Protein backbone atom coordinates (compact mmCIF):
# COMPACT_ATOMS: atom_id res chain seq x y z
CA MET A 1 53.82 287.92 315.10
CA ARG A 2 57.12 287.08 316.06
CA SER A 3 55.54 285.52 319.86
CA MET A 4 53.51 283.51 317.44
CA ILE A 5 56.37 281.96 315.33
CA TRP A 6 58.87 281.33 318.83
CA THR A 7 55.42 279.59 320.67
CA GLY A 8 55.10 277.57 317.84
CA CYS A 9 58.80 276.34 317.76
CA ALA A 10 58.30 275.96 321.59
CA TRP A 11 54.92 273.56 320.87
CA LEU A 12 56.66 271.79 318.00
CA MET A 13 59.99 270.73 319.59
CA ALA A 14 58.17 269.90 323.42
CA ALA A 15 55.81 267.52 321.18
CA VAL A 16 58.82 266.09 319.66
CA ALA A 17 60.51 265.42 323.20
CA ALA A 18 57.27 263.96 324.27
CA VAL A 19 56.61 261.55 321.41
CA VAL A 20 60.83 260.27 322.03
CA SER A 21 60.49 259.70 325.62
CA ALA A 22 57.13 257.72 325.51
CA PRO A 23 57.72 254.52 326.97
CA GLY A 24 56.68 251.52 323.84
CA GLY A 25 57.03 254.75 321.27
CA ARG A 26 57.75 253.75 317.90
CA ALA A 27 60.49 255.60 317.94
CA GLU A 28 62.34 253.47 319.69
CA ASP A 29 61.82 250.09 318.61
CA ALA A 30 61.21 251.10 314.28
CA PHE A 31 63.49 251.45 311.50
CA SER A 32 66.87 250.71 314.01
CA CYS A 33 70.09 250.95 312.30
CA CYS A 34 71.37 247.55 311.12
CA GLU A 35 73.95 245.87 309.12
CA ILE A 36 74.82 249.87 307.31
CA PRO A 37 76.24 252.30 310.42
CA CYS A 38 73.90 255.51 311.14
CA ARG A 39 75.23 258.35 310.38
CA LEU A 40 73.90 262.07 309.53
CA LEU A 41 72.85 261.75 305.46
CA ASP A 42 71.38 258.51 306.33
CA PRO A 43 69.87 258.77 310.10
CA LEU A 44 68.37 255.14 309.52
CA GLY A 45 70.85 252.87 307.69
CA GLN A 46 69.56 252.67 304.24
CA ASP A 47 72.51 253.83 302.40
CA PRO A 48 70.09 255.60 299.72
CA VAL A 49 71.49 256.94 296.16
CA TRP A 50 69.42 260.20 296.20
CA THR A 51 67.51 261.96 298.91
CA GLY A 52 64.67 264.97 298.36
CA ARG A 53 62.70 267.31 300.71
CA THR A 54 59.80 269.36 299.32
CA ASP A 55 59.24 271.82 302.09
CA ALA A 56 56.36 274.94 302.76
CA LEU A 57 57.79 277.77 303.89
CA LEU A 58 55.65 280.19 305.69
CA LEU A 59 57.76 283.33 306.73
CA TRP A 60 57.38 286.48 307.70
CA ARG A 61 60.18 289.64 307.29
CA ASP A 62 60.94 292.05 310.15
CA ALA A 63 60.00 295.57 310.42
CA PRO A 64 62.76 298.13 307.73
CA GLN A 65 65.05 299.88 310.16
CA SER A 66 64.06 303.78 311.32
CA ALA A 67 63.61 306.07 308.49
CA PRO A 68 61.07 308.94 309.04
CA LEU A 69 58.81 309.37 305.79
CA PHE A 70 55.94 312.22 306.86
CA ASP A 71 55.74 314.44 309.69
CA ALA A 72 52.76 315.65 312.16
CA ILE A 73 52.09 319.59 311.89
CA ASP A 74 51.72 321.90 315.34
CA PRO A 75 48.62 323.41 314.76
CA GLU A 76 48.88 326.89 316.34
CA THR A 77 52.59 327.30 314.68
CA LEU A 78 52.12 325.28 311.74
CA ASP A 79 56.17 323.84 311.84
CA PRO A 80 56.73 319.98 311.89
CA ALA A 81 55.62 318.20 314.96
CA GLY A 82 57.12 314.42 315.22
CA VAL A 83 57.29 311.63 312.79
CA ALA A 84 53.72 310.65 311.76
CA LEU A 85 54.83 308.18 309.32
CA ASN A 86 58.31 306.13 309.66
CA ALA A 87 59.60 303.41 307.02
CA ALA A 88 59.31 300.71 311.10
CA ASP A 89 55.83 301.69 310.73
CA PHE A 90 55.31 298.51 307.61
CA GLN A 91 55.37 295.08 309.24
CA SER A 92 54.70 292.64 306.71
CA GLY A 93 52.45 289.81 306.51
CA MET A 94 53.53 286.40 306.19
CA ALA A 95 54.48 285.55 302.86
CA ALA A 96 54.70 281.84 301.67
CA GLY A 97 57.21 279.86 299.36
CA PRO A 98 58.40 276.00 298.62
CA ARG A 99 61.96 274.92 299.13
CA PHE A 100 63.08 272.07 297.53
CA ALA A 101 66.72 269.77 298.21
CA LEU A 102 68.41 266.91 296.44
CA PHE A 103 71.10 265.27 297.82
CA ARG A 104 73.19 262.31 295.26
CA HIS A 105 74.96 260.41 298.09
CA THR A 106 78.35 259.86 296.96
CA GLY A 107 79.18 256.63 298.74
CA ASP A 108 81.69 257.73 300.89
CA MET A 109 79.23 259.22 303.65
CA GLY A 110 78.97 262.65 301.48
CA ALA A 111 76.95 264.00 298.97
CA VAL A 112 75.94 266.80 296.92
CA GLU A 113 73.36 268.93 297.93
CA PHE A 114 71.39 271.40 295.66
CA ASN A 115 69.15 273.78 297.12
CA PHE A 116 66.42 276.05 296.17
CA LEU A 117 63.74 278.73 297.83
CA ARG A 118 61.45 281.18 296.78
CA VAL A 119 59.26 283.14 299.43
CA GLN A 120 57.68 286.07 297.09
CA SER A 121 54.94 288.95 298.18
CA PHE A 122 55.98 290.48 302.11
CA ARG A 123 53.65 293.39 301.61
CA ALA A 124 53.39 296.25 304.70
CA SER A 125 50.53 298.95 304.21
CA GLN A 126 50.04 302.26 305.84
CA SER A 127 48.36 304.93 305.48
CA LEU A 128 47.92 308.45 307.15
CA PRO A 129 43.97 309.62 307.96
CA ALA A 130 42.69 312.26 305.50
CA VAL A 131 41.98 315.90 307.01
CA GLU A 132 39.99 318.99 305.78
CA ASP A 133 41.45 321.45 308.17
CA GLY A 134 44.68 322.35 305.83
CA LEU A 135 47.21 321.08 308.82
CA GLY A 136 47.67 317.43 307.75
CA TYR A 137 51.12 316.04 307.09
CA TYR A 138 54.37 317.39 305.47
CA ASP A 139 57.01 315.70 303.50
CA THR A 140 60.14 314.70 306.16
CA THR A 141 61.81 317.53 306.97
CA PRO A 142 64.19 319.41 306.47
CA HIS A 143 63.98 318.94 302.93
CA GLY A 144 61.22 316.53 301.42
CA LEU A 145 61.21 312.86 299.90
CA TYR A 146 63.81 312.74 297.24
CA CYS A 147 64.67 316.27 299.17
CA CYS A 148 62.10 318.44 297.38
CA ASP A 149 61.52 321.43 300.01
CA THR A 150 58.08 320.95 301.40
CA VAL A 151 55.64 323.97 299.96
CA TYR A 152 51.85 322.53 300.97
CA PRO A 153 50.93 320.54 304.04
CA ARG A 154 50.05 317.21 302.86
CA ALA A 155 45.84 316.35 303.76
CA GLY A 156 46.81 312.45 303.52
CA ALA A 157 49.02 309.90 302.24
CA THR A 158 49.20 306.43 301.60
CA GLY A 159 52.24 303.25 301.29
CA LEU A 160 53.39 300.20 300.31
CA LEU A 161 56.29 298.13 301.14
CA THR A 162 56.49 294.66 298.86
CA SER A 163 59.36 292.42 299.30
CA SER A 164 60.44 288.89 297.87
CA LEU A 165 63.55 286.32 298.77
CA GLN A 166 65.01 283.90 296.54
CA SER A 167 67.58 281.50 297.03
CA ALA A 168 70.00 278.71 294.84
CA GLU A 169 72.71 276.88 296.15
CA VAL A 170 75.52 273.79 295.83
CA ASN A 171 77.11 272.08 298.79
CA ARG A 172 79.35 269.35 299.15
CA ARG A 173 78.89 267.80 302.27
CA PHE A 174 81.65 265.88 303.44
CA PRO A 175 81.87 262.57 304.42
CA THR A 176 80.37 261.65 307.92
CA ASP A 177 80.15 258.76 310.16
CA GLY A 178 78.74 260.55 312.62
CA ARG A 179 76.02 262.94 313.77
CA LEU A 180 77.82 265.81 312.61
CA GLY A 181 78.96 266.92 309.00
CA TRP A 182 80.48 269.97 307.94
CA LEU A 183 79.70 271.67 304.58
CA MET A 184 80.84 274.09 301.70
CA GLY A 185 79.10 275.37 298.93
CA PHE A 186 78.27 277.70 296.43
CA ARG A 187 75.13 280.54 296.92
CA TRP A 188 72.84 282.83 295.36
CA VAL A 189 70.56 284.99 296.98
CA GLU A 190 68.37 287.70 295.62
CA TRP A 191 66.07 290.46 297.80
CA ASN A 192 64.12 292.73 295.96
CA ASP A 193 62.33 295.55 297.68
CA ALA A 194 59.72 298.18 296.68
CA LEU A 195 58.45 301.42 298.70
CA GLY A 196 55.52 303.35 296.94
CA LEU A 197 53.71 305.94 298.27
CA ALA A 198 51.22 308.56 297.09
CA SER A 199 50.27 311.95 298.98
CA LEU A 200 47.60 314.32 298.30
CA THR A 201 47.39 318.12 298.48
CA THR A 202 45.11 320.00 298.93
CA TYR A 203 45.86 323.01 301.16
CA ASP A 204 44.52 326.64 300.03
CA LEU A 205 44.70 325.00 296.37
CA GLU A 206 42.18 325.60 293.88
CA THR A 207 42.90 322.60 291.77
CA PRO A 208 44.52 319.42 294.84
CA TYR A 209 46.93 317.34 293.41
CA THR A 210 49.07 313.88 294.50
CA ASN A 211 52.46 313.42 294.29
CA SER A 212 53.53 309.69 294.17
CA TYR A 213 56.93 308.41 294.87
CA LEU A 214 58.05 305.28 294.08
CA THR A 215 61.97 303.46 294.49
CA GLN A 216 62.93 299.81 293.61
CA THR A 217 65.93 297.88 294.94
CA ARG A 218 67.44 294.44 293.73
CA ASN A 219 70.24 292.96 295.75
CA ASP A 220 71.73 289.99 294.15
CA LEU A 221 74.45 288.15 296.09
CA TYR A 222 76.78 285.66 295.19
CA GLY A 223 79.15 284.09 297.70
CA MET A 224 80.93 280.84 299.27
CA GLN A 225 79.50 279.62 302.27
CA VAL A 226 80.34 277.03 305.21
CA GLY A 227 78.31 275.30 307.58
CA ALA A 228 77.63 272.39 309.54
CA ASP A 229 74.44 269.84 309.59
CA SER A 230 73.77 267.83 313.17
CA ILE A 231 71.02 265.01 314.75
CA LEU A 232 70.71 266.87 317.45
CA TYR A 233 68.58 264.15 319.30
CA GLY A 234 67.78 261.02 317.43
CA LEU A 235 70.35 259.12 315.42
CA GLY A 236 68.72 255.87 314.55
CA ARG A 237 65.36 256.39 315.22
CA SER A 238 61.93 257.20 313.63
CA ILE A 239 61.74 260.51 314.99
CA ARG A 240 64.38 262.63 315.28
CA VAL A 241 65.51 266.20 315.80
CA GLU A 242 68.17 267.94 313.33
CA GLY A 243 69.82 271.54 313.18
CA ILE A 244 71.73 273.28 310.45
CA GLY A 245 73.29 276.19 310.61
CA LYS A 246 74.95 278.36 307.10
CA ALA A 247 77.14 281.54 306.49
CA GLY A 248 79.25 283.49 303.91
CA ILE A 249 80.59 286.69 303.21
CA PHE A 250 78.83 287.57 299.43
CA TYR A 251 79.72 290.14 296.78
CA ASN A 252 76.46 292.12 296.58
CA ASP A 253 75.22 293.70 292.86
CA ALA A 254 73.16 296.24 294.41
CA ARG A 255 70.72 298.07 292.01
CA GLN A 256 67.84 300.65 292.84
CA SER A 257 65.47 303.03 290.66
CA SER A 258 63.49 305.61 291.76
CA ARG A 259 60.98 308.37 290.48
CA PHE A 260 59.28 311.30 291.57
CA LEU A 261 56.06 312.32 290.00
CA THR A 262 54.70 315.70 290.94
CA GLY A 263 51.18 315.90 290.10
CA GLU A 264 51.16 320.04 290.43
CA THR A 265 53.13 319.92 286.53
CA GLY A 266 52.80 316.65 285.56
CA GLU A 267 56.91 315.84 286.06
CA SER A 268 58.40 312.91 286.24
CA LEU A 269 62.31 312.51 287.44
CA ALA A 270 64.08 309.61 287.35
CA VAL A 271 67.28 307.80 288.58
CA SER A 272 68.92 304.57 288.39
CA THR A 273 71.85 303.67 290.19
CA ALA A 274 73.91 301.03 291.25
CA VAL A 275 76.85 299.54 293.02
CA GLY A 276 78.75 296.93 294.37
CA ARG A 277 79.54 295.85 297.94
CA ALA A 278 80.12 293.55 301.01
CA ALA A 279 77.63 291.71 302.47
CA PHE A 280 76.64 289.16 304.73
CA VAL A 281 74.30 285.90 304.51
CA GLY A 282 73.41 283.24 307.50
CA GLU A 283 70.98 280.46 307.96
CA LEU A 284 69.58 278.62 311.14
CA GLY A 285 67.57 275.93 311.10
CA VAL A 286 66.01 273.55 313.58
CA THR A 287 63.73 270.52 311.94
CA GLY A 288 61.62 267.76 313.68
CA VAL A 289 61.35 265.13 311.85
CA TYR A 290 58.96 261.50 311.42
CA ASP A 291 59.40 258.48 309.34
CA VAL A 292 56.43 257.26 308.53
CA THR A 293 57.95 254.80 306.42
CA GLU A 294 61.42 253.68 305.74
CA ARG A 295 61.25 256.03 302.96
CA ILE A 296 58.98 258.91 303.70
CA SER A 297 58.99 261.70 306.41
CA ILE A 298 57.73 264.11 307.65
CA ARG A 299 59.61 267.17 308.53
CA ALA A 300 58.16 270.71 310.17
CA GLY A 301 61.12 273.11 311.75
CA TYR A 302 62.19 276.70 312.14
CA ALA A 303 64.49 278.53 309.87
CA ILE A 304 65.89 282.01 310.30
CA PHE A 305 67.94 283.87 307.32
CA TRP A 306 69.83 287.21 308.27
CA LEU A 307 71.15 289.09 305.10
CA GLY A 308 73.35 292.24 305.63
CA GLY A 309 74.46 294.86 303.52
CA LEU A 310 71.34 295.10 301.75
CA ALA A 311 70.42 297.77 299.48
CA LEU A 312 66.11 298.17 300.71
CA ALA A 313 64.87 300.80 299.49
CA PRO A 314 62.78 302.59 302.54
CA ALA A 315 66.70 303.79 303.00
CA GLN A 316 67.10 305.09 299.45
CA TYR A 317 64.90 308.34 299.64
CA LYS A 318 67.93 310.12 302.03
CA VAL A 319 70.21 309.60 299.32
CA ASN A 320 68.40 310.99 296.17
CA ASP A 321 68.14 314.21 295.12
CA LEU A 322 64.99 314.46 292.44
CA CYS A 323 63.60 317.84 292.56
CA PRO A 324 62.17 320.56 289.72
CA ASN A 325 64.28 322.49 288.02
CA ASN A 326 67.45 321.33 289.74
CA PRO A 327 69.91 318.70 288.93
CA ILE A 328 68.94 314.63 289.78
CA ARG A 329 71.82 312.90 291.75
CA GLY A 330 71.55 309.72 292.67
CA ALA A 331 72.86 306.85 295.09
CA THR A 332 73.00 303.47 296.16
CA ASP A 333 73.18 302.81 300.38
CA THR A 334 73.64 299.14 301.02
CA ALA A 335 73.65 299.83 304.34
CA GLY A 336 70.41 297.84 305.25
CA SER A 337 69.80 294.59 306.53
CA VAL A 338 66.07 292.26 307.47
CA VAL A 339 65.35 289.35 308.68
CA VAL A 340 63.26 286.54 307.71
CA GLN A 341 61.74 283.76 310.29
CA GLY A 342 59.27 281.45 310.29
CA LEU A 343 58.04 278.17 310.15
CA SER A 344 58.74 274.57 307.07
CA LEU A 345 56.23 272.04 306.49
CA GLY A 346 57.22 269.36 304.48
CA LEU A 347 58.30 265.80 302.86
CA GLU A 348 61.30 263.87 302.60
CA GLY A 349 61.46 260.71 300.20
CA ARG A 350 65.23 258.47 300.34
CA TRP A 351 66.26 255.84 297.28
């Protein structure tokens, strides 16, 4: 899937370069800068008061960090025989969502920017095939999920990982009269993660039962960011290429809630914890822009987001103790990171 994204980006950049370099192309003779100087936030010299952008984001997230969930069973010794299901196996499909940006030009060749995006429902599912010979799988060793000692093999297991991304930011775009500009602002980022597992036990039992496990995490990141925006090629032309980069150190209000329901006794055990930690948020993007008219443009590009210092659902299994007849203990692991990348398609208007 990532190779498809990179291929798409390469195709986009090649297409933009071909049109720009075409002899007699519109990029050379339309919407050129005249009386008002061309600059980063006014690439055609129109001196607008407002600029609005709306994009559709088509994103993929990377697989979680490695965390064994179920082990296979050696048919001769009945001992664990390697990992049968790992959290890294949960590769999410594409998720889509909107991004809106509004610029209020300040009259000094700068602007104030409001930016919001929301991408829901990254989903990945995995299952272990059911067995009938009593071998099956063990919950992760040396204990089980949530540190419950494994007693019976599991005849089968299924899992579902869901995630979502949301962000809002306000930036000051500092005055510039060229193709490169700087920005600084405040940003809030929310990353939610949930992993649910269910395992069926039938081995040497008259009544089979299902154990279920669910961990949900929420990360609210608040902080200041700095960045640079630029027109990489085509300032003053109707076809151009823009690039942007942002980064900042954030405070992460991280929370996790975990629950273990045993089908053997019907007992439900739960724990919730929270912690505050430093985190990192970075964003890079490159966009091709084509001016349909003097006021309306089509935009297509590639964006990548990197979040570090997160509480991710698969990592919480190793820090929670949810075992019948034992003290309940819990913690919030914030050593996770996630990369989200993909394509953006949208429109821009200036007035």
